[in-house]
Amino acid sequence: MNLFKQLAKSLYSPKDIASFRFQGIGKTILYVFVLSLAAIVPASIFLGLTISSSITAAQQTIQSDLPSFAIKNGELTAETDKPLEIKDGELFIVLDPTGSFTSKELELKQNAVGILQKEFVLVSNGTAQSIPYNSAGNFSITKDQIVNFADQTGQLKSVIIGAAIVLLYLISSFSKFVEVTILALLGLMIRSMLKKKVNYKQSWVMSAYSVTLATLFLTIMNALQAAVPSQGLVIWFVHLVMLYLSIKEVPSKKEPAVIV
């Protein structure tokens, strides 16, 4: 049976999942990679669109809407005596030579680029990454140089998006393998409870297919941008139910005959 037929069967048939336990570990590992790839499709699309729009917005805003500025000796100077805040779609761009803004305040904006008095701050989904200017040593740069750099970055947009998606896939695959491994260990406990003939390798194979239903459900919800209440609990509950039903389909251990 090919991987895509196995994927379809894994959505509804614990009996078929149980029958997969005898297949080689190599095919199962390949299946986990394929499942991880399917799981990141919506996230990859949204990530690509976000990166593309952010680069375009930053180019236009820095070039057209911000006054001349320079970063020298670890500090920002600009032709303004107050902070400037510009909103472009979901992205906020802040130029603050006064020290009024902090990285914590920028985090509240969810998605922001902050050129602050002492540091550069990038906020993505409410998480801020700060780079102090003085961490680069004797560093100086002007608005014109940043505009040129932004233009070069725009030309490499497809490369940046591709690299980001590859990184996302690697993280997704690693997380999925950890998820399957933990579920397989729990599968050994289920095996003992049900008194079934299942070793760890077989439990790992069945676990890889048991995560299919919840993984694809979460993928669809992400594509619809719909929140799942108590997402972690729901996902693991479905994983465990599918694995439990699959192990239940495995023949039980034969009890030794009692000689009277």
C-alpha atoms as a PDB file:
ATOM      1  CA  MET A   1       0.000   0.000   0.000  1.00  0.00           C
ATOM      2  CA  ASN A   2       1.440   3.407  -0.934  1.00  0.00           C
ATOM      3  CA  LEU A   3       1.841   6.269   1.535  1.00  0.00           C
ATOM      4  CA  PHE A   4      -1.185   8.239   0.371  1.00  0.00           C
ATOM      5  CA  LYS A   5      -3.505   5.234   0.690  1.00  0.00           C
ATOM      6  CA  GLN A   6      -2.066   4.643   4.153  1.00  0.00           C
ATOM      7  CA  LEU A   7      -2.728   8.288   5.016  1.00  0.00           C
ATOM      8  CA  ALA A   8      -6.368   7.952   3.934  1.00  0.00           C
ATOM      9  CA  LYS A   9      -6.828   4.681   5.873  1.00  0.00           C
ATOM     10  CA  SER A  10      -5.229   6.217   8.978  1.00  0.00           C
ATOM     11  CA  LEU A  11      -7.991   8.818   9.172  1.00  0.00           C
ATOM     12  CA  TYR A  12     -10.692   6.283  10.063  1.00  0.00           C
ATOM     13  CA  SER A  13      -9.430   2.703  10.328  1.00  0.00           C
ATOM     14  CA  PRO A  14      -7.631   1.530  13.513  1.00  0.00           C
ATOM     15  CA  LYS A  15      -7.683  -1.992  12.046  1.00  0.00           C
ATOM     16  CA  ASP A  16      -5.538  -0.886   9.097  1.00  0.00           C
ATOM     17  CA  ILE A  17      -3.214   1.042  11.424  1.00  0.00           C
ATOM     18  CA  ALA A  18      -2.725  -2.170  13.408  1.00  0.00           C
ATOM     19  CA  SER A  19      -1.860  -4.035  10.193  1.00  0.00           C
ATOM     20  CA  PHE A  20       0.880  -1.496   9.375  1.00  0.00           C
ATOM     21  CA  ARG A  21       2.882  -2.530  12.470  1.00  0.00           C
ATOM     22  CA  PHE A  22       4.864  -5.159  10.538  1.00  0.00           C
ATOM     23  CA  GLN A  23       6.183  -2.779   7.865  1.00  0.00           C
ATOM     24  CA  GLY A  24       9.777  -1.513   7.839  1.00  0.00           C
ATOM     25  CA  ILE A  25      10.779   1.444   9.978  1.00  0.00           C
ATOM     26  CA  GLY A  26      12.200   3.254   6.929  1.00  0.00           C
ATOM     27  CA  LYS A  27       8.816   3.545   5.226  1.00  0.00           C
ATOM     28  CA  THR A  28       7.286   4.767   8.482  1.00  0.00           C
ATOM     29  CA  ILE A  29       9.940   7.467   8.869  1.00  0.00           C
ATOM     30  CA  LEU A  30       9.220   8.582   5.298  1.00  0.00           C
ATOM     31  CA  TYR A  31       5.516   8.722   6.180  1.00  0.00           C
ATOM     32  CA  VAL A  32       6.232  11.035   9.139  1.00  0.00           C
ATOM     33  CA  PHE A  33       8.201  13.362   6.844  1.00  0.00           C
ATOM     34  CA  VAL A  34       5.315  13.417   4.330  1.00  0.00           C
ATOM     35  CA  LEU A  35       2.780  14.087   7.096  1.00  0.00           C
ATOM     36  CA  SER A  36       4.961  16.903   8.463  1.00  0.00           C
ATOM     37  CA  LEU A  37       5.124  18.430   4.984  1.00  0.00           C
ATOM     38  CA  ALA A  38       1.337  18.323   4.604  1.00  0.00           C
ATOM     39  CA  ALA A  39       0.923  19.879   8.047  1.00  0.00           C
ATOM     40  CA  ILE A  40       2.916  23.022   7.220  1.00  0.00           C
ATOM     41  CA  VAL A  41       1.195  23.884   3.913  1.00  0.00           C
ATOM     42  CA  PRO A  42      -1.160  26.541   5.383  1.00  0.00           C
ATOM     43  CA  ALA A  43       1.545  27.934   7.672  1.00  0.00           C
ATOM     44  CA  SER A  44       3.997  28.117   4.750  1.00  0.00           C
ATOM     45  CA  ILE A  45       1.520  30.084   2.638  1.00  0.00           C
ATOM     46  CA  PHE A  46       0.790  32.546   5.442  1.00  0.00           C
ATOM     47  CA  LEU A  47       4.504  32.840   6.275  1.00  0.00           C
ATOM     48  CA  GLY A  48       5.415  33.579   2.664  1.00  0.00           C
ATOM     49  CA  LEU A  49       2.699  36.211   2.354  1.00  0.00           C
ATOM     50  CA  THR A  50       3.727  37.817   5.655  1.00  0.00           C
ATOM     51  CA  ILE A  51       7.419  37.977   4.746  1.00  0.00           C
ATOM     52  CA  SER A  52       6.653  39.349   1.288  1.00  0.00           C
ATOM     53  CA  SER A  53       4.266  42.045   2.536  1.00  0.00           C
ATOM     54  CA  SER A  54       6.567  42.972   5.436  1.00  0.00           C
ATOM     55  CA  ILE A  55       9.576  43.472   3.159  1.00  0.00           C
ATOM     56  CA  THR A  56       7.520  45.538   0.709  1.00  0.00           C
ATOM     57  CA  ALA A  57       5.973  47.626   3.496  1.00  0.00           C
ATOM     58  CA  ALA A  58       9.354  48.217   5.138  1.00  0.00           C
ATOM     59  CA  GLN A  59      10.884  49.321   1.829  1.00  0.00           C
ATOM     60  CA  GLN A  60       8.116  51.814   1.104  1.00  0.00           C
ATOM     61  CA  THR A  61       7.851  53.135   4.654  1.00  0.00           C
ATOM     62  CA  ILE A  62      11.567  53.644   5.273  1.00  0.00           C
ATOM     63  CA  GLN A  63      12.047  55.343   1.931  1.00  0.00           C
ATOM     64  CA  SER A  64       8.945  57.554   1.878  1.00  0.00           C
ATOM     65  CA  ASP A  65       7.612  58.073   5.397  1.00  0.00           C
ATOM     66  CA  LEU A  66      10.608  58.228   7.727  1.00  0.00           C
ATOM     67  CA  PRO A  67      12.816  61.313   8.121  1.00  0.00           C
ATOM     68  CA  SER A  68      16.581  61.125   7.685  1.00  0.00           C
ATOM     69  CA  PHE A  69      18.292  59.290  10.531  1.00  0.00           C
ATOM     70  CA  ALA A  70      21.610  57.734  11.432  1.00  0.00           C
ATOM     71  CA  ILE A  71      22.901  55.218  13.948  1.00  0.00           C
ATOM     72  CA  LYS A  72      26.345  56.051  15.289  1.00  0.00           C
ATOM     73  CA  ASN A  73      28.253  55.228  18.479  1.00  0.00           C
ATOM     74  CA  GLY A  74      25.431  52.930  19.614  1.00  0.00           C
ATOM     75  CA  GLU A  75      22.680  55.563  19.419  1.00  0.00           C
ATOM     76  CA  LEU A  76      19.978  56.674  16.996  1.00  0.00           C
ATOM     77  CA  THR A  77      19.715  60.295  15.872  1.00  0.00           C
ATOM     78  CA  ALA A  78      16.944  61.577  13.596  1.00  0.00           C
ATOM     79  CA  GLU A  79      15.448  64.765  12.199  1.00  0.00           C
ATOM     80  CA  THR A  80      12.518  64.582  14.622  1.00  0.00           C
ATOM     81  CA  ASP A  81      12.077  65.452  18.285  1.00  0.00           C
ATOM     82  CA  LYS A  82       9.339  62.875  18.944  1.00  0.00           C
ATOM     83  CA  PRO A  83       8.714  59.191  18.195  1.00  0.00           C
ATOM     84  CA  LEU A  84       7.142  58.329  14.841  1.00  0.00           C
ATOM     85  CA  GLU A  85       4.754  55.383  14.577  1.00  0.00           C
ATOM     86  CA  ILE A  86       3.505  54.158  11.195  1.00  0.00           C
ATOM     87  CA  LYS A  87       0.997  51.337  10.624  1.00  0.00           C
ATOM     88  CA  ASP A  88       1.020  49.461   7.330  1.00  0.00           C
ATOM     89  CA  GLY A  89      -1.535  46.650   7.351  1.00  0.00           C
ATOM     90  CA  GLU A  90      -0.635  44.348  10.253  1.00  0.00           C
ATOM     91  CA  LEU A  91       2.870  45.801  10.589  1.00  0.00           C
ATOM     92  CA  PHE A  92       3.887  48.706  12.853  1.00  0.00           C
ATOM     93  CA  ILE A  93       7.107  50.598  12.137  1.00  0.00           C
ATOM     94  CA  VAL A  94       8.467  52.803  14.932  1.00  0.00           C
ATOM     95  CA  LEU A  95      11.313  55.326  14.736  1.00  0.00           C
ATOM     96  CA  ASP A  96      12.157  56.622  18.206  1.00  0.00           C
ATOM     97  CA  PRO A  97      15.323  58.673  18.859  1.00  0.00           C
ATOM     98  CA  THR A  98      13.918  59.878  22.218  1.00  0.00           C
ATOM     99  CA  GLY A  99      13.977  56.632  24.192  1.00  0.00           C
ATOM    100  CA  SER A 100      10.208  56.687  24.766  1.00  0.00           C
ATOM    101  CA  PHE A 101       9.495  53.201  23.372  1.00  0.00           C
ATOM    102  CA  THR A 102      10.734  49.916  24.864  1.00  0.00           C
ATOM    103  CA  SER A 103      10.804  46.423  23.376  1.00  0.00           C
ATOM    104  CA  LYS A 104       8.059  45.391  25.833  1.00  0.00           C
ATOM    105  CA  GLU A 105       5.763  48.088  24.453  1.00  0.00           C
ATOM    106  CA  LEU A 106       6.464  46.951  20.893  1.00  0.00           C
ATOM    107  CA  GLU A 107       5.558  43.353  21.818  1.00  0.00           C
ATOM    108  CA  LEU A 108       1.993  44.540  22.464  1.00  0.00           C
ATOM    109  CA  LYS A 109       1.719  45.468  18.777  1.00  0.00           C
ATOM    110  CA  GLN A 110       2.192  41.775  17.799  1.00  0.00           C
ATOM    111  CA  ASN A 111       4.072  42.540  14.545  1.00  0.00           C
ATOM    112  CA  ALA A 112       6.450  45.489  14.532  1.00  0.00           C
ATOM    113  CA  VAL A 113       9.824  46.839  13.479  1.00  0.00           C
ATOM    114  CA  GLY A 114      11.362  49.251  15.968  1.00  0.00           C
ATOM    115  CA  ILE A 115      14.346  51.491  15.244  1.00  0.00           C
ATOM    116  CA  LEU A 116      14.763  52.696  18.817  1.00  0.00           C
ATOM    117  CA  GLN A 117      17.254  54.960  20.544  1.00  0.00           C
ATOM    118  CA  LYS A 118      19.627  52.199  21.667  1.00  0.00           C
ATOM    119  CA  GLU A 119      18.463  49.060  19.868  1.00  0.00           C
ATOM    120  CA  PHE A 120      16.751  47.514  16.865  1.00  0.00           C
ATOM    121  CA  VAL A 121      13.655  45.456  17.725  1.00  0.00           C
ATOM    122  CA  LEU A 122      11.792  42.960  15.533  1.00  0.00           C
ATOM    123  CA  VAL A 123       8.445  41.664  16.828  1.00  0.00           C
ATOM    124  CA  SER A 124       6.713  38.658  15.250  1.00  0.00           C
ATOM    125  CA  ASN A 125       3.468  37.282  16.715  1.00  0.00           C
ATOM    126  CA  GLY A 126       4.061  39.138  19.981  1.00  0.00           C
ATOM    127  CA  THR A 127       7.637  37.902  20.487  1.00  0.00           C
ATOM    128  CA  ALA A 128      10.388  40.531  20.406  1.00  0.00           C
ATOM    129  CA  GLN A 129      14.010  40.038  19.330  1.00  0.00           C
ATOM    130  CA  SER A 130      16.294  42.925  20.304  1.00  0.00           C
ATOM    131  CA  ILE A 131      19.721  43.810  18.907  1.00  0.00           C
ATOM    132  CA  PRO A 132      21.557  46.609  20.781  1.00  0.00           C
ATOM    133  CA  TYR A 133      23.449  48.885  18.406  1.00  0.00           C
ATOM    134  CA  ASN A 134      26.600  48.756  20.540  1.00  0.00           C
ATOM    135  CA  SER A 135      26.714  44.940  20.215  1.00  0.00           C
ATOM    136  CA  ALA A 136      28.094  45.466  16.692  1.00  0.00           C
ATOM    137  CA  GLY A 137      31.088  47.438  17.970  1.00  0.00           C
ATOM    138  CA  ASN A 138      32.027  50.620  16.105  1.00  0.00           C
ATOM    139  CA  PHE A 139      28.890  50.505  13.993  1.00  0.00           C
ATOM    140  CA  SER A 140      27.312  53.307  11.962  1.00  0.00           C
ATOM    141  CA  ILE A 141      24.601  53.392   9.302  1.00  0.00           C
ATOM    142  CA  THR A 142      22.321  55.957   7.682  1.00  0.00           C
ATOM    143  CA  LYS A 143      18.805  55.886   6.265  1.00  0.00           C
ATOM    144  CA  ASP A 144      20.140  55.809   2.684  1.00  0.00           C
ATOM    145  CA  GLN A 145      22.250  52.738   3.456  1.00  0.00           C
ATOM    146  CA  ILE A 146      19.240  50.991   5.011  1.00  0.00           C
ATOM    147  CA  VAL A 147      17.128  51.838   1.939  1.00  0.00           C
ATOM    148  CA  ASN A 148      19.792  50.274  -0.309  1.00  0.00           C
ATOM    149  CA  PHE A 149      19.912  47.194   1.920  1.00  0.00           C
ATOM    150  CA  ALA A 150      16.101  46.927   1.859  1.00  0.00           C
ATOM    151  CA  ASP A 151      16.172  47.061  -1.947  1.00  0.00           C
ATOM    152  CA  GLN A 152      18.719  44.224  -2.039  1.00  0.00           C
ATOM    153  CA  THR A 153      16.617  42.243   0.454  1.00  0.00           C
ATOM    154  CA  GLY A 154      13.573  42.749  -1.774  1.00  0.00           C
ATOM    155  CA  GLN A 155      15.456  41.220  -4.693  1.00  0.00           C
ATOM    156  CA  LEU A 156      16.219  38.172  -2.526  1.00  0.00           C
ATOM    157  CA  LYS A 157      12.634  37.888  -1.298  1.00  0.00           C
ATOM    158  CA  SER A 158      12.041  34.457  -2.841  1.00  0.00           C
ATOM    159  CA  VAL A 159      15.281  33.115  -1.339  1.00  0.00           C
ATOM    160  CA  ILE A 160      14.357  34.425   2.119  1.00  0.00           C
ATOM    161  CA  ILE A 161      10.867  32.931   1.905  1.00  0.00           C
ATOM    162  CA  GLY A 162      12.274  29.601   0.702  1.00  0.00           C
ATOM    163  CA  ALA A 163      14.797  29.463   3.547  1.00  0.00           C
ATOM    164  CA  ALA A 164      12.090  30.320   6.092  1.00  0.00           C
ATOM    165  CA  ILE A 165       9.823  27.535   4.796  1.00  0.00           C
ATOM    166  CA  VAL A 166      12.669  24.983   4.879  1.00  0.00           C
ATOM    167  CA  LEU A 167      13.404  25.982   8.485  1.00  0.00           C
ATOM    168  CA  LEU A 168       9.700  25.678   9.331  1.00  0.00           C
ATOM    169  CA  TYR A 169       9.625  22.182   7.779  1.00  0.00           C
ATOM    170  CA  LEU A 170      12.673  21.040   9.744  1.00  0.00           C
ATOM    171  CA  ILE A 171      11.146  22.279  13.001  1.00  0.00           C
ATOM    172  CA  SER A 172       7.799  20.659  12.143  1.00  0.00           C
ATOM    173  CA  SER A 173       9.450  17.321  11.301  1.00  0.00           C
ATOM    174  CA  PHE A 174      11.512  17.308  14.502  1.00  0.00           C
ATOM    175  CA  SER A 175       8.410  18.099  16.578  1.00  0.00           C
ATOM    176  CA  LYS A 176       6.426  15.357  14.859  1.00  0.00           C
ATOM    177  CA  PHE A 177       9.133  12.735  15.510  1.00  0.00           C
ATOM    178  CA  VAL A 178       9.228  13.734  19.196  1.00  0.00           C
ATOM    179  CA  GLU A 179       5.417  13.540  19.309  1.00  0.00           C
ATOM    180  CA  VAL A 180       5.391  10.055  17.765  1.00  0.00           C
ATOM    181  CA  THR A 181       8.161   8.829  20.084  1.00  0.00           C
ATOM    182  CA  ILE A 182       6.315   9.985  23.211  1.00  0.00           C
ATOM    183  CA  LEU A 183       3.077   8.439  21.937  1.00  0.00           C
ATOM    184  CA  ALA A 184       4.886   5.152  21.259  1.00  0.00           C
ATOM    185  CA  LEU A 185       6.059   5.029  24.884  1.00  0.00           C
ATOM    186  CA  LEU A 186       2.484   5.574  26.018  1.00  0.00           C
ATOM    187  CA  GLY A 187       1.542   2.807  23.589  1.00  0.00           C
ATOM    188  CA  LEU A 188       3.615   0.339  25.615  1.00  0.00           C
ATOM    189  CA  MET A 189       1.491   1.184  28.651  1.00  0.00           C
ATOM    190  CA  ILE A 190      -1.680   0.624  26.611  1.00  0.00           C
ATOM    191  CA  ARG A 191      -0.220  -2.682  25.363  1.00  0.00           C
ATOM    192  CA  SER A 192       0.317  -3.886  28.926  1.00  0.00           C
ATOM    193  CA  MET A 193      -3.166  -2.806  29.950  1.00  0.00           C
ATOM    194  CA  LEU A 194      -4.777  -4.643  27.008  1.00  0.00           C
ATOM    195  CA  LYS A 195      -2.323  -7.578  27.151  1.00  0.00           C
ATOM    196  CA  LYS A 196      -1.435  -7.363  23.468  1.00  0.00           C
ATOM    197  CA  LYS A 197       1.611  -8.633  21.567  1.00  0.00           C
ATOM    198  CA  VAL A 198       3.247  -5.323  20.631  1.00  0.00           C
ATOM    199  CA  ASN A 199       6.937  -4.395  20.884  1.00  0.00           C
ATOM    200  CA  TYR A 200       8.322  -0.843  20.898  1.00  0.00           C
ATOM    201  CA  LYS A 201       9.058  -0.796  17.158  1.00  0.00           C
ATOM    202  CA  GLN A 202       5.483  -1.814  16.383  1.00  0.00           C
ATOM    203  CA  SER A 203       4.145   0.745  18.856  1.00  0.00           C
ATOM    204  CA  TRP A 204       6.226   3.464  17.152  1.00  0.00           C
ATOM    205  CA  VAL A 205       4.917   2.500  13.705  1.00  0.00           C
ATOM    206  CA  MET A 206       1.299   2.514  14.875  1.00  0.00           C
ATOM    207  CA  SER A 207       1.857   5.822  16.677  1.00  0.00           C
ATOM    208  CA  ALA A 208       3.137   7.403  13.454  1.00  0.00           C
ATOM    209  CA  TYR A 209      -0.155   6.566  11.741  1.00  0.00           C
ATOM    210  CA  SER A 210      -2.300   7.318  14.792  1.00  0.00           C
ATOM    211  CA  VAL A 211      -1.278  11.003  14.752  1.00  0.00           C
ATOM    212  CA  THR A 212      -2.638  11.443  11.211  1.00  0.00           C
ATOM    213  CA  LEU A 213      -6.235  12.350  12.084  1.00  0.00           C
ATOM    214  CA  ALA A 214      -5.429  15.051  14.644  1.00  0.00           C
ATOM    215  CA  THR A 215      -2.556  16.433  12.550  1.00  0.00           C
ATOM    216  CA  LEU A 216      -4.699  16.915   9.441  1.00  0.00           C
ATOM    217  CA  PHE A 217      -7.582  18.299  11.523  1.00  0.00           C
ATOM    218  CA  LEU A 218      -5.233  20.912  13.000  1.00  0.00           C
ATOM    219  CA  THR A 219      -3.882  21.670   9.512  1.00  0.00           C
ATOM    220  CA  ILE A 220      -7.397  22.356   8.211  1.00  0.00           C
ATOM    221  CA  MET A 221      -8.194  24.563  11.220  1.00  0.00           C
ATOM    222  CA  ASN A 222      -4.970  26.513  10.639  1.00  0.00           C
ATOM    223  CA  ALA A 223      -5.905  26.974   6.987  1.00  0.00           C
ATOM    224  CA  LEU A 224      -9.272  28.367   8.091  1.00  0.00           C
ATOM    225  CA  GLN A 225      -7.478  30.452  10.754  1.00  0.00           C
ATOM    226  CA  ALA A 226      -9.871  29.006  13.335  1.00  0.00           C
ATOM    227  CA  ALA A 227      -8.797  28.613  16.956  1.00  0.00           C
ATOM    228  CA  VAL A 228      -9.140  25.216  18.660  1.00  0.00           C
ATOM    229  CA  PRO A 229      -9.966  25.534  22.403  1.00  0.00           C
ATOM    230  CA  SER A 230      -7.501  23.603  24.590  1.00  0.00           C
ATOM    231  CA  GLN A 231      -5.696  22.599  21.405  1.00  0.00           C
ATOM    232  CA  GLY A 232      -2.954  20.531  23.045  1.00  0.00           C
ATOM    233  CA  LEU A 233      -5.386  18.476  25.122  1.00  0.00           C
ATOM    234  CA  VAL A 234      -7.676  17.846  22.148  1.00  0.00           C
ATOM    235  CA  ILE A 235      -4.811  16.748  19.892  1.00  0.00           C
ATOM    236  CA  TRP A 236      -3.305  14.351  22.427  1.00  0.00           C
ATOM    237  CA  PHE A 237      -6.723  12.941  23.332  1.00  0.00           C
ATOM    238  CA  VAL A 238      -7.339  12.066  19.663  1.00  0.00           C
ATOM    239  CA  HIS A 239      -3.804  10.616  19.346  1.00  0.00           C
ATOM    240  CA  LEU A 240      -4.352   8.353  22.359  1.00  0.00           C
ATOM    241  CA  VAL A 241      -7.830   7.233  21.280  1.00  0.00           C
ATOM    242  CA  MET A 242      -6.595   6.282  17.800  1.00  0.00           C
ATOM    243  CA  LEU A 243      -3.590   4.416  19.220  1.00  0.00           C
ATOM    244  CA  TYR A 244      -5.734   2.662  21.836  1.00  0.00           C
ATOM    245  CA  LEU A 245      -8.212   1.472  19.198  1.00  0.00           C
ATOM    246  CA  SER A 246      -5.345   0.349  16.947  1.00  0.00           C
ATOM    247  CA  ILE A 247      -3.596  -1.665  19.663  1.00  0.00           C
ATOM    248  CA  LYS A 248      -6.955  -3.176  20.575  1.00  0.00           C
ATOM    249  CA  GLU A 249      -7.060  -4.684  17.060  1.00  0.00           C
ATOM    250  CA  VAL A 250      -3.806  -6.578  17.712  1.00  0.00           C
ATOM    251  CA  PRO A 251      -4.229 -10.238  18.798  1.00  0.00           C
ATOM    252  CA  SER A 252      -3.941 -10.787  22.541  1.00  0.00           C
ATOM    253  CA  LYS A 253      -1.164 -12.728  24.195  1.00  0.00           C
ATOM    254  CA  LYS A 254      -1.921 -16.414  24.508  1.00  0.00           C
ATOM    255  CA  GLU A 255      -2.191 -17.438  28.128  1.00  0.00           C
ATOM    256  CA  PRO A 256      -0.123 -20.538  28.973  1.00  0.00           C
ATOM    257  CA  ALA A 257      -2.200 -23.662  29.386  1.00  0.00           C
ATOM    258  CA  VAL A 258      -2.743 -24.744  32.973  1.00  0.00           C
ATOM    259  CA  ILE A 259      -1.965 -28.419  33.554  1.00  0.00           C
ATOM    260  CA  VAL A 260      -4.112 -29.925  36.248  1.00  0.00           C
END
